[in-house]
């Protein structure tokens, strides 16, 4: 999941530099969603509510 977050952040940065604002916004939104999901899963594992086997 972290791999996809980094890919989307790079795509957003390159698209922003090239002036493709709608693509940059879409990539950044996708990265934000994945970051939120990763953070929620991390907190659930940290507090022991979800076990990774």
Protein backbone atom coordinates (compact mmCIF):
# COMPACT_ATOMS: atom_id res chain seq x y z
CA UNK A 1 0.00 0.00 0.00
CA UNK A 2 2.88 2.36 0.74
CA UNK A 3 4.20 1.71 -2.75
CA UNK A 4 0.95 3.00 -4.25
CA UNK A 5 0.97 6.05 -1.99
CA UNK A 6 4.46 7.00 -3.16
CA UNK A 7 3.55 6.39 -6.81
CA UNK A 8 0.48 8.62 -6.53
CA UNK A 9 2.47 11.35 -4.77
CA UNK A 10 5.09 11.31 -7.53
CA UNK A 11 2.39 11.40 -10.21
CA UNK A 12 0.73 14.33 -8.45
CA UNK A 13 4.03 16.22 -8.17
CA UNK A 14 4.97 15.69 -11.83
CA UNK A 15 1.48 16.54 -13.05
CA UNK A 16 1.47 19.68 -10.93
CA UNK A 17 4.81 20.78 -12.37
CA UNK A 18 3.57 20.18 -15.91
CA UNK A 19 0.38 22.18 -15.32
CA UNK A 20 -2.06 19.28 -15.34
CA UNK A 21 -3.99 20.41 -12.30
CA UNK A 22 -6.94 18.04 -12.59
CA UNK A 23 -4.67 14.99 -12.83
CA UNK A 24 -2.57 16.27 -9.93
CA UNK A 25 -5.70 16.74 -7.83
CA UNK A 26 -7.00 13.28 -8.63
CA UNK A 27 -3.68 11.65 -7.79
CA UNK A 28 -3.41 13.62 -4.55
CA UNK A 29 -6.94 12.63 -3.56
CA UNK A 30 -6.11 8.98 -4.16
CA UNK A 31 -2.94 9.32 -2.09
CA UNK A 32 -4.88 10.96 0.75
CA UNK A 33 -7.44 8.16 0.78
CA UNK A 34 -4.73 5.48 0.87
CA UNK A 35 -2.87 7.33 3.63
CA UNK A 36 -6.07 7.46 5.69
CA UNK A 37 -6.70 3.75 5.18
CA UNK A 38 -3.10 2.88 6.09
CA UNK A 39 -3.25 5.08 9.19
CA UNK A 40 -6.51 3.51 10.37
CA UNK A 41 -5.16 -0.01 9.84
CA UNK A 42 -1.94 0.89 11.66
CA UNK A 43 -3.85 2.24 14.65
CA UNK A 44 -6.10 -0.82 14.78
CA UNK A 45 -3.06 -3.11 14.78
CA UNK A 46 -1.28 -0.90 17.32
CA UNK A 47 -4.17 -1.10 19.78
CA UNK A 48 -4.57 -4.83 19.20
CA UNK A 49 -8.05 -4.72 17.74
CA UNK A 50 -6.94 -6.43 14.55
CA UNK A 51 -4.38 -9.23 14.53
CA UNK A 52 -2.15 -9.79 11.53
CA UNK A 53 -1.43 -13.50 11.17
